[in-house]
Amino acid sequence: MEAPGREAWQGSRQLQTTTTVTNEAEFQAAIVSGAHIILNNDITLTTAITIGADITDLKISSLKGDGTNAVLNGGGSTRIFDIGSGAAVVLEGLDLENGKGPSFGGCVHNDGGDLQIEASNFRDCVATGDYGEGGGIASDGGSVKTTDTTFTDCSAKWGGGIRSWGGSLTTTGTTFTSCSADVSN
């Protein structure tokens, strides 16, 4: 059975609170609330943001005074999100950059969750290691839906921009530029 569309999914959600965060510590703390988290600052992460199966109602969006997307930066040393089975997450208006994940997902590893991404950008993300799957996103089960999103300069052994297996993947208005996969390594 295919996951419901964003409109149906949002209609069933009852976001309890809205939290604005400005740094990594606040961001990590806000994740457990299952709220609408608004980033009004660029944040460089030192560790991946883990979204567990118990988080079934989370939206992360950007609201910067200059009108640009907030940047979540992995600093070239960590993936940005680990999403657990059963989690439901919407990412909207974000720039995810310099994510580096071991094996699965340079920026995002979706391990069976429901992930929806709108009007966002993935740049310079890499999945490394023997498996090296999904430079931007690796999705093992669950669902991924991208709308009006770009992937630029993402790389992996399998699936430079996105690698999805055992679930559903839907892309609308999504572009991939200079993404690469090299299974010979």
N, C-alpha and C. Protein backbone atom coordinates (compact mmCIF):
# COMPACT_ATOMS: atom_id res chain seq x y z
N MET A 1 0.84 -1.18 0.00
CA MET A 1 0.00 0.00 0.00
C MET A 1 0.89 1.24 0.00
N GLU A 2 0.61 2.17 -0.86
CA GLU A 2 1.40 3.38 -0.97
C GLU A 2 1.03 4.35 0.15
N ALA A 3 2.04 5.06 0.61
CA ALA A 3 1.82 6.05 1.66
C ALA A 3 0.89 7.15 1.14
N PRO A 4 0.07 7.75 2.03
CA PRO A 4 -0.84 8.81 1.59
C PRO A 4 -0.06 10.02 1.10
N GLY A 5 -0.69 10.83 0.26
CA GLY A 5 -0.07 12.07 -0.21
C GLY A 5 0.11 13.04 0.93
N ARG A 6 0.93 14.05 0.71
CA ARG A 6 1.23 15.03 1.75
C ARG A 6 -0.03 15.66 2.31
N GLU A 7 -0.98 16.01 1.45
CA GLU A 7 -2.20 16.67 1.92
C GLU A 7 -2.98 15.77 2.88
N ALA A 8 -3.14 14.51 2.50
CA ALA A 8 -3.86 13.57 3.36
C ALA A 8 -3.11 13.36 4.67
N TRP A 9 -1.78 13.25 4.55
CA TRP A 9 -0.97 13.00 5.73
C TRP A 9 -1.03 14.20 6.66
N GLN A 10 -0.89 15.42 6.12
CA GLN A 10 -0.94 16.60 6.96
C GLN A 10 -2.31 16.78 7.59
N GLY A 11 -3.36 16.44 6.86
CA GLY A 11 -4.70 16.58 7.40
C GLY A 11 -4.92 15.72 8.64
N SER A 12 -4.19 14.61 8.74
CA SER A 12 -4.36 13.72 9.89
C SER A 12 -3.43 14.09 11.04
N ARG A 13 -2.52 15.03 10.81
CA ARG A 13 -1.55 15.41 11.83
C ARG A 13 -2.08 16.53 12.70
N GLN A 14 -1.76 16.47 13.95
CA GLN A 14 -2.12 17.53 14.87
C GLN A 14 -0.83 18.00 15.56
N LEU A 15 -0.12 18.94 14.92
CA LEU A 15 1.10 19.44 15.51
C LEU A 15 0.79 20.13 16.82
N GLN A 16 1.47 19.70 17.87
CA GLN A 16 1.18 20.20 19.20
C GLN A 16 1.83 21.54 19.49
N THR A 17 3.08 21.71 19.07
CA THR A 17 3.80 22.94 19.39
C THR A 17 4.69 23.34 18.23
N THR A 18 5.10 24.60 18.25
CA THR A 18 6.09 25.09 17.31
C THR A 18 7.27 25.57 18.13
N THR A 19 8.46 25.10 17.74
CA THR A 19 9.68 25.45 18.45
C THR A 19 10.67 26.04 17.47
N THR A 20 11.24 27.19 17.80
CA THR A 20 12.28 27.80 16.98
C THR A 20 13.62 27.50 17.62
N VAL A 21 14.56 27.00 16.80
CA VAL A 21 15.88 26.64 17.31
C VAL A 21 16.96 27.41 16.56
N THR A 22 18.06 27.66 17.25
CA THR A 22 19.16 28.43 16.66
C THR A 22 20.49 27.70 16.69
N ASN A 23 20.57 26.54 17.38
CA ASN A 23 21.85 25.83 17.45
C ASN A 23 21.61 24.31 17.57
N GLU A 24 22.68 23.55 17.50
CA GLU A 24 22.58 22.10 17.50
C GLU A 24 21.96 21.54 18.78
N ALA A 25 22.34 22.06 19.93
CA ALA A 25 21.80 21.56 21.20
C ALA A 25 20.29 21.76 21.28
N GLU A 26 19.82 22.93 20.89
CA GLU A 26 18.38 23.19 20.88
C GLU A 26 17.67 22.28 19.89
N PHE A 27 18.29 22.07 18.74
CA PHE A 27 17.71 21.22 17.70
C PHE A 27 17.58 19.78 18.19
N GLN A 28 18.65 19.24 18.77
CA GLN A 28 18.61 17.87 19.30
C GLN A 28 17.52 17.74 20.37
N ALA A 29 17.40 18.71 21.24
CA ALA A 29 16.40 18.67 22.31
C ALA A 29 14.97 18.76 21.77
N ALA A 30 14.77 19.55 20.72
CA ALA A 30 13.43 19.76 20.18
C ALA A 30 12.90 18.53 19.42
N ILE A 31 13.78 17.69 18.92
CA ILE A 31 13.37 16.54 18.11
C ILE A 31 12.37 15.65 18.87
N VAL A 32 12.57 15.44 20.13
CA VAL A 32 11.72 14.53 20.89
C VAL A 32 10.29 15.05 21.06
N SER A 33 10.05 16.31 20.77
CA SER A 33 8.72 16.89 21.00
C SER A 33 7.70 16.48 19.94
N GLY A 34 8.17 16.05 18.76
CA GLY A 34 7.22 15.76 17.69
C GLY A 34 6.49 17.01 17.25
N ALA A 35 7.16 18.11 17.28
CA ALA A 35 6.56 19.41 16.99
C ALA A 35 6.93 19.89 15.60
N HIS A 36 6.58 21.13 15.33
CA HIS A 36 7.04 21.83 14.15
C HIS A 36 8.27 22.61 14.58
N ILE A 37 9.42 22.21 14.07
CA ILE A 37 10.68 22.87 14.43
C ILE A 37 11.04 23.83 13.32
N ILE A 38 11.29 25.07 13.69
CA ILE A 38 11.66 26.10 12.73
C ILE A 38 13.12 26.48 12.97
N LEU A 39 13.91 26.37 11.91
CA LEU A 39 15.32 26.77 11.99
C LEU A 39 15.42 28.19 11.47
N ASN A 40 15.96 29.10 12.28
CA ASN A 40 16.15 30.46 11.80
C ASN A 40 17.62 30.82 11.73
N ASN A 41 18.47 29.81 11.77
CA ASN A 41 19.91 29.96 11.72
C ASN A 41 20.50 28.79 10.96
N ASP A 42 21.67 28.97 10.37
CA ASP A 42 22.41 27.85 9.82
C ASP A 42 23.03 27.08 10.98
N ILE A 43 23.04 25.75 10.88
CA ILE A 43 23.58 24.92 11.96
C ILE A 43 24.54 23.90 11.38
N THR A 44 25.77 23.85 11.92
CA THR A 44 26.72 22.80 11.57
C THR A 44 26.66 21.76 12.67
N LEU A 45 26.41 20.51 12.27
CA LEU A 45 26.22 19.43 13.22
C LEU A 45 27.54 18.72 13.53
N THR A 46 27.64 18.22 14.76
CA THR A 46 28.78 17.39 15.13
C THR A 46 28.38 15.92 15.19
N THR A 47 27.08 15.67 15.20
CA THR A 47 26.55 14.31 15.20
C THR A 47 25.20 14.32 14.49
N ALA A 48 24.82 13.18 13.96
CA ALA A 48 23.55 13.09 13.23
C ALA A 48 22.35 13.30 14.16
N ILE A 49 21.30 13.87 13.61
CA ILE A 49 20.03 14.03 14.32
C ILE A 49 19.27 12.71 14.17
N THR A 50 18.99 12.04 15.27
CA THR A 50 18.27 10.77 15.24
C THR A 50 16.80 11.00 15.52
N ILE A 51 15.97 10.50 14.60
CA ILE A 51 14.52 10.63 14.76
C ILE A 51 13.97 9.22 14.90
N GLY A 52 13.59 8.86 16.12
CA GLY A 52 13.16 7.51 16.43
C GLY A 52 11.74 7.20 15.98
N ALA A 53 11.39 5.92 16.05
CA ALA A 53 10.08 5.44 15.64
C ALA A 53 8.94 6.09 16.42
N ASP A 54 9.23 6.56 17.63
CA ASP A 54 8.19 7.18 18.45
C ASP A 54 7.85 8.60 17.99
N ILE A 55 8.62 9.15 17.05
CA ILE A 55 8.36 10.49 16.53
C ILE A 55 7.54 10.35 15.25
N THR A 56 6.24 10.47 15.38
CA THR A 56 5.35 10.22 14.25
C THR A 56 4.68 11.50 13.75
N ASP A 57 5.15 12.63 14.19
CA ASP A 57 4.50 13.89 13.84
C ASP A 57 5.50 15.04 13.90
N LEU A 58 6.46 15.06 12.97
CA LEU A 58 7.54 16.04 13.02
C LEU A 58 7.66 16.78 11.70
N LYS A 59 7.74 18.09 11.78
CA LYS A 59 8.00 18.92 10.61
C LYS A 59 9.18 19.83 10.95
N ILE A 60 10.14 19.89 10.04
CA ILE A 60 11.29 20.76 10.22
C ILE A 60 11.33 21.71 9.03
N SER A 61 11.28 23.02 9.30
CA SER A 61 11.28 23.99 8.21
C SER A 61 12.19 25.15 8.54
N SER A 62 12.31 26.05 7.57
CA SER A 62 13.24 27.16 7.64
C SER A 62 12.49 28.48 7.66
N LEU A 63 12.96 29.40 8.48
CA LEU A 63 12.41 30.75 8.47
C LEU A 63 13.53 31.70 8.87
N LYS A 64 14.29 32.11 7.84
CA LYS A 64 15.37 33.07 8.08
C LYS A 64 14.91 34.44 7.62
N GLY A 65 15.34 35.45 8.32
CA GLY A 65 14.95 36.81 8.02
C GLY A 65 15.32 37.28 6.62
N ASP A 66 16.38 36.70 6.03
CA ASP A 66 16.80 37.14 4.71
C ASP A 66 16.11 36.37 3.58
N GLY A 67 15.19 35.47 3.93
CA GLY A 67 14.43 34.74 2.92
C GLY A 67 15.13 33.53 2.32
N THR A 68 16.34 33.23 2.76
CA THR A 68 17.04 32.05 2.26
C THR A 68 16.72 30.85 3.14
N ASN A 69 16.98 29.66 2.61
CA ASN A 69 16.81 28.44 3.39
C ASN A 69 17.86 28.36 4.50
N ALA A 70 17.46 27.82 5.63
CA ALA A 70 18.44 27.52 6.67
C ALA A 70 19.28 26.34 6.21
N VAL A 71 20.56 26.35 6.57
CA VAL A 71 21.49 25.30 6.17
C VAL A 71 21.75 24.37 7.36
N LEU A 72 21.57 23.07 7.11
CA LEU A 72 22.03 22.05 8.05
C LEU A 72 23.27 21.46 7.41
N ASN A 73 24.40 21.60 8.07
CA ASN A 73 25.68 21.24 7.51
C ASN A 73 26.29 20.10 8.32
N GLY A 74 26.63 19.01 7.62
CA GLY A 74 27.28 17.88 8.29
C GLY A 74 28.77 18.08 8.48
N GLY A 75 29.30 19.20 7.99
CA GLY A 75 30.71 19.51 8.19
C GLY A 75 31.66 18.53 7.51
N GLY A 76 31.13 17.71 6.59
CA GLY A 76 31.98 16.72 5.92
C GLY A 76 32.37 15.56 6.81
N SER A 77 31.72 15.46 7.99
CA SER A 77 32.10 14.39 8.91
C SER A 77 30.94 13.58 9.48
N THR A 78 29.70 14.05 9.29
CA THR A 78 28.55 13.30 9.82
C THR A 78 27.36 13.41 8.88
N ARG A 79 26.53 12.37 8.86
CA ARG A 79 25.26 12.46 8.14
C ARG A 79 24.37 13.41 8.93
N ILE A 80 23.31 13.91 8.33
CA ILE A 80 22.47 14.91 8.99
C ILE A 80 21.31 14.26 9.73
N PHE A 81 20.60 13.32 9.09
CA PHE A 81 19.46 12.68 9.75
C PHE A 81 19.54 11.16 9.67
N ASP A 82 19.20 10.51 10.78
CA ASP A 82 18.92 9.08 10.86
C ASP A 82 17.45 8.97 11.23
N ILE A 83 16.64 8.41 10.33
CA ILE A 83 15.20 8.32 10.56
C ILE A 83 14.81 6.87 10.77
N GLY A 84 14.18 6.57 11.90
CA GLY A 84 13.83 5.20 12.26
C GLY A 84 12.52 4.73 11.65
N SER A 85 12.36 3.42 11.64
CA SER A 85 11.15 2.77 11.14
C SER A 85 9.93 3.29 11.90
N GLY A 86 8.92 3.70 11.16
CA GLY A 86 7.69 4.20 11.76
C GLY A 86 7.66 5.70 12.00
N ALA A 87 8.80 6.36 11.93
CA ALA A 87 8.83 7.82 12.11
C ALA A 87 8.17 8.49 10.91
N ALA A 88 7.57 9.65 11.12
CA ALA A 88 6.96 10.43 10.05
C ALA A 88 7.52 11.85 10.11
N VAL A 89 8.22 12.25 9.03
CA VAL A 89 8.98 13.49 9.04
C VAL A 89 8.74 14.27 7.74
N VAL A 90 8.55 15.58 7.87
CA VAL A 90 8.49 16.49 6.73
C VAL A 90 9.65 17.47 6.88
N LEU A 91 10.46 17.58 5.82
CA LEU A 91 11.53 18.58 5.75
C LEU A 91 11.12 19.59 4.68
N GLU A 92 11.13 20.87 5.03
CA GLU A 92 10.65 21.87 4.09
C GLU A 92 11.53 23.11 4.10
N GLY A 93 11.99 23.51 2.91
CA GLY A 93 12.76 24.74 2.77
C GLY A 93 14.11 24.71 3.47
N LEU A 94 14.80 23.56 3.36
CA LEU A 94 16.09 23.40 4.02
C LEU A 94 17.19 23.17 2.99
N ASP A 95 18.42 23.57 3.31
CA ASP A 95 19.59 23.19 2.55
C ASP A 95 20.39 22.22 3.41
N LEU A 96 20.56 21.00 2.91
CA LEU A 96 21.34 19.98 3.61
C LEU A 96 22.66 19.85 2.86
N GLU A 97 23.76 20.15 3.54
CA GLU A 97 25.06 20.23 2.88
C GLU A 97 26.13 19.45 3.63
N ASN A 98 27.11 19.00 2.85
CA ASN A 98 28.33 18.39 3.39
C ASN A 98 28.07 17.24 4.35
N GLY A 99 27.02 16.48 4.08
CA GLY A 99 26.75 15.29 4.88
C GLY A 99 27.66 14.16 4.43
N LYS A 100 28.12 13.38 5.38
CA LYS A 100 28.98 12.24 5.07
C LYS A 100 28.57 11.09 5.97
N GLY A 101 27.99 10.06 5.34
CA GLY A 101 27.52 8.93 6.12
C GLY A 101 28.26 7.65 5.77
N PRO A 102 28.53 6.85 6.77
CA PRO A 102 29.15 5.56 6.50
C PRO A 102 28.10 4.59 5.97
N SER A 103 28.34 4.06 4.83
CA SER A 103 27.50 3.04 4.20
C SER A 103 26.17 3.55 3.66
N PHE A 104 25.23 3.98 4.50
CA PHE A 104 23.89 4.29 4.04
C PHE A 104 23.52 5.75 4.30
N GLY A 105 23.40 6.54 3.24
CA GLY A 105 22.92 7.91 3.34
C GLY A 105 23.96 8.91 3.75
N GLY A 106 24.40 9.72 2.77
CA GLY A 106 25.34 10.79 3.09
C GLY A 106 24.69 11.87 3.93
N CYS A 107 23.48 12.27 3.56
CA CYS A 107 22.74 13.27 4.35
C CYS A 107 21.64 12.64 5.18
N VAL A 108 20.90 11.71 4.57
CA VAL A 108 19.75 11.12 5.27
C VAL A 108 19.76 9.61 5.11
N HIS A 109 19.63 8.90 6.23
CA HIS A 109 19.37 7.46 6.21
C HIS A 109 17.96 7.26 6.73
N ASN A 110 17.06 6.84 5.82
CA ASN A 110 15.68 6.57 6.19
C ASN A 110 15.53 5.06 6.33
N ASP A 111 15.40 4.58 7.54
CA ASP A 111 15.32 3.15 7.81
C ASP A 111 13.88 2.74 8.09
N GLY A 112 13.00 2.98 7.08
CA GLY A 112 11.62 2.53 7.19
C GLY A 112 10.63 3.58 7.63
N GLY A 113 11.02 4.85 7.66
CA GLY A 113 10.11 5.92 8.04
C GLY A 113 9.35 6.47 6.85
N ASP A 114 8.50 7.44 7.11
CA ASP A 114 7.75 8.17 6.08
C ASP A 114 8.40 9.55 5.99
N LEU A 115 9.15 9.80 4.91
CA LEU A 115 9.92 11.03 4.75
C LEU A 115 9.39 11.82 3.56
N GLN A 116 9.04 13.08 3.81
CA GLN A 116 8.59 13.96 2.75
C GLN A 116 9.47 15.20 2.76
N ILE A 117 9.96 15.57 1.56
CA ILE A 117 10.89 16.70 1.43
C ILE A 117 10.35 17.65 0.38
N GLU A 118 10.25 18.93 0.75
CA GLU A 118 9.74 19.94 -0.18
C GLU A 118 10.67 21.14 -0.22
N ALA A 119 10.87 21.66 -1.45
CA ALA A 119 11.60 22.91 -1.67
C ALA A 119 12.91 22.96 -0.90
N SER A 120 13.67 21.87 -1.00
CA SER A 120 14.93 21.77 -0.28
C SER A 120 16.07 21.46 -1.25
N ASN A 121 17.30 21.57 -0.75
CA ASN A 121 18.49 21.34 -1.58
C ASN A 121 19.47 20.45 -0.83
N PHE A 122 19.99 19.46 -1.54
CA PHE A 122 21.05 18.59 -1.02
C PHE A 122 22.30 18.92 -1.82
N ARG A 123 23.41 19.26 -1.13
CA ARG A 123 24.65 19.61 -1.82
C ARG A 123 25.84 18.95 -1.16
N ASP A 124 26.75 18.45 -2.02
CA ASP A 124 28.04 17.94 -1.56
C ASP A 124 27.90 16.89 -0.46
N CYS A 125 27.06 15.90 -0.72
CA CYS A 125 26.83 14.83 0.24
C CYS A 125 27.44 13.54 -0.30
N VAL A 126 27.98 12.72 0.59
CA VAL A 126 28.63 11.49 0.15
C VAL A 126 28.36 10.34 1.12
N ALA A 127 28.04 9.18 0.55
CA ALA A 127 27.94 7.94 1.33
C ALA A 127 29.21 7.14 1.06
N THR A 128 29.88 6.73 2.11
CA THR A 128 31.18 6.08 1.98
C THR A 128 31.10 4.61 2.38
N GLY A 129 32.20 3.94 2.35
CA GLY A 129 32.29 2.57 2.84
C GLY A 129 32.02 1.54 1.76
N ASP A 130 32.05 0.27 2.17
CA ASP A 130 31.86 -0.84 1.24
C ASP A 130 30.52 -0.80 0.53
N TYR A 131 29.49 -0.37 1.24
CA TYR A 131 28.17 -0.29 0.62
C TYR A 131 27.98 1.05 -0.06
N GLY A 132 28.24 2.15 0.62
CA GLY A 132 28.17 3.48 0.05
C GLY A 132 26.91 3.74 -0.74
N GLU A 133 25.75 3.65 -0.10
CA GLU A 133 24.47 3.77 -0.81
C GLU A 133 23.79 5.10 -0.50
N GLY A 134 23.39 5.82 -1.56
CA GLY A 134 22.62 7.05 -1.42
C GLY A 134 23.43 8.23 -0.93
N GLY A 135 24.08 8.93 -1.85
CA GLY A 135 24.86 10.11 -1.46
C GLY A 135 24.00 11.14 -0.74
N GLY A 136 22.81 11.42 -1.27
CA GLY A 136 21.89 12.35 -0.61
C GLY A 136 21.01 11.63 0.39
N ILE A 137 20.30 10.59 -0.11
CA ILE A 137 19.36 9.84 0.73
C ILE A 137 19.52 8.35 0.45
N ALA A 138 19.57 7.56 1.49
CA ALA A 138 19.43 6.10 1.39
C ALA A 138 18.17 5.73 2.13
N SER A 139 17.28 4.99 1.45
CA SER A 139 16.01 4.62 2.09
C SER A 139 15.82 3.12 2.00
N ASP A 140 15.74 2.48 3.15
CA ASP A 140 15.55 1.04 3.26
C ASP A 140 14.16 0.81 3.82
N GLY A 141 13.19 0.59 2.91
CA GLY A 141 11.80 0.45 3.33
C GLY A 141 11.18 1.81 3.56
N GLY A 142 9.96 1.83 4.00
CA GLY A 142 9.27 3.09 4.23
C GLY A 142 9.02 3.83 2.92
N SER A 143 8.87 5.14 3.00
CA SER A 143 8.59 5.92 1.80
C SER A 143 9.37 7.22 1.81
N VAL A 144 9.71 7.65 0.60
CA VAL A 144 10.36 8.94 0.40
C VAL A 144 9.61 9.64 -0.71
N LYS A 145 9.25 10.91 -0.47
CA LYS A 145 8.61 11.72 -1.49
C LYS A 145 9.33 13.06 -1.52
N THR A 146 9.88 13.42 -2.70
CA THR A 146 10.53 14.72 -2.85
C THR A 146 9.74 15.56 -3.84
N THR A 147 9.59 16.84 -3.52
CA THR A 147 8.90 17.78 -4.39
C THR A 147 9.73 19.06 -4.46
N ASP A 148 9.99 19.51 -5.70
CA ASP A 148 10.73 20.76 -5.91
C ASP A 148 12.03 20.81 -5.10
N THR A 149 12.78 19.74 -5.20
CA THR A 149 14.02 19.58 -4.44
C THR A 149 15.17 19.33 -5.41
N THR A 150 16.37 19.79 -5.05
CA THR A 150 17.54 19.57 -5.90
C THR A 150 18.61 18.77 -5.17
N PHE A 151 19.32 17.97 -5.94
CA PHE A 151 20.48 17.22 -5.47
C PHE A 151 21.65 17.62 -6.36
N THR A 152 22.70 18.17 -5.76
CA THR A 152 23.85 18.65 -6.52
C THR A 152 25.14 18.11 -5.90
N ASP A 153 25.99 17.53 -6.76
CA ASP A 153 27.31 17.04 -6.33
C ASP A 153 27.22 16.03 -5.18
N CYS A 154 26.25 15.14 -5.24
CA CYS A 154 26.13 14.06 -4.26
C CYS A 154 26.74 12.80 -4.89
N SER A 155 27.40 11.99 -4.08
CA SER A 155 28.05 10.80 -4.63
C SER A 155 27.99 9.62 -3.68
N ALA A 156 28.06 8.44 -4.28
CA ALA A 156 28.04 7.19 -3.53
C ALA A 156 28.48 6.07 -4.46
N LYS A 157 28.65 4.90 -3.91
CA LYS A 157 28.94 3.74 -4.74
C LYS A 157 27.68 3.34 -5.50
N TRP A 158 26.54 3.37 -4.84
CA TRP A 158 25.24 3.04 -5.43
C TRP A 158 24.28 4.21 -5.17
N GLY A 159 23.72 4.81 -6.20
CA GLY A 159 22.74 5.88 -6.03
C GLY A 159 23.35 7.19 -5.58
N GLY A 160 23.92 7.93 -6.52
CA GLY A 160 24.57 9.19 -6.17
C GLY A 160 23.66 10.16 -5.45
N GLY A 161 22.44 10.37 -5.96
CA GLY A 161 21.49 11.27 -5.32
C GLY A 161 20.63 10.56 -4.29
N ILE A 162 19.92 9.51 -4.76
CA ILE A 162 19.02 8.73 -3.89
C ILE A 162 19.19 7.25 -4.21
N ARG A 163 19.20 6.44 -3.18
CA ARG A 163 19.15 4.99 -3.34
C ARG A 163 18.01 4.49 -2.46
N SER A 164 17.02 3.85 -3.09
CA SER A 164 15.84 3.38 -2.36
C SER A 164 15.59 1.92 -2.69
N TRP A 165 15.31 1.11 -1.68
CA TRP A 165 14.97 -0.29 -1.89
C TRP A 165 13.97 -0.72 -0.82
N GLY A 166 13.06 -1.60 -1.22
CA GLY A 166 12.10 -2.15 -0.26
C GLY A 166 11.03 -1.20 0.21
N GLY A 167 10.82 -0.11 -0.47
CA GLY A 167 9.80 0.87 -0.08
C GLY A 167 9.36 1.63 -1.31
N SER A 168 8.83 2.83 -1.12
CA SER A 168 8.39 3.64 -2.26
C SER A 168 9.19 4.92 -2.35
N LEU A 169 9.38 5.36 -3.59
CA LEU A 169 10.08 6.61 -3.88
C LEU A 169 9.29 7.36 -4.93
N THR A 170 8.94 8.61 -4.64
CA THR A 170 8.23 9.46 -5.58
C THR A 170 8.96 10.78 -5.66
N THR A 171 9.29 11.22 -6.89
CA THR A 171 9.93 12.52 -7.07
C THR A 171 9.08 13.35 -8.02
N THR A 172 8.85 14.61 -7.66
CA THR A 172 8.11 15.55 -8.50
C THR A 172 8.88 16.86 -8.52
N GLY A 173 9.23 17.34 -9.71
CA GLY A 173 9.95 18.59 -9.80
C GLY A 173 11.32 18.53 -9.13
N THR A 174 11.89 17.35 -9.08
CA THR A 174 13.18 17.15 -8.41
C THR A 174 14.27 17.03 -9.46
N THR A 175 15.40 17.72 -9.26
CA THR A 175 16.49 17.67 -10.22
C THR A 175 17.76 17.13 -9.58
N PHE A 176 18.54 16.46 -10.41
CA PHE A 176 19.82 15.87 -10.00
C PHE A 176 20.89 16.44 -10.92
N THR A 177 21.88 17.13 -10.34
CA THR A 177 22.95 17.75 -11.12
C THR A 177 24.30 17.31 -10.57
N SER A 178 25.12 16.76 -11.44
CA SER A 178 26.48 16.34 -11.08
C SER A 178 26.51 15.36 -9.92
N CYS A 179 25.51 14.50 -9.83
CA CYS A 179 25.52 13.42 -8.84
C CYS A 179 26.12 12.20 -9.51
N SER A 180 26.84 11.38 -8.74
CA SER A 180 27.52 10.25 -9.36
C SER A 180 27.49 9.02 -8.48
N ALA A 181 27.49 7.88 -9.16
CA ALA A 181 27.61 6.58 -8.50
C ALA A 181 28.71 5.82 -9.20
N ASP A 182 29.58 5.20 -8.44
CA ASP A 182 30.69 4.46 -9.02
C ASP A 182 30.84 3.12 -8.34
N VAL A 183 30.24 2.10 -8.91
CA VAL A 183 30.25 0.77 -8.31
C VAL A 183 31.59 0.07 -8.46
N SER A 184 32.53 0.67 -9.22
CA SER A 184 33.83 0.04 -9.42
C SER A 184 34.76 0.21 -8.22
N ASN A 185 34.42 1.13 -7.32
CA ASN A 185 35.29 1.37 -6.15
C ASN A 185 35.01 0.38 -5.06
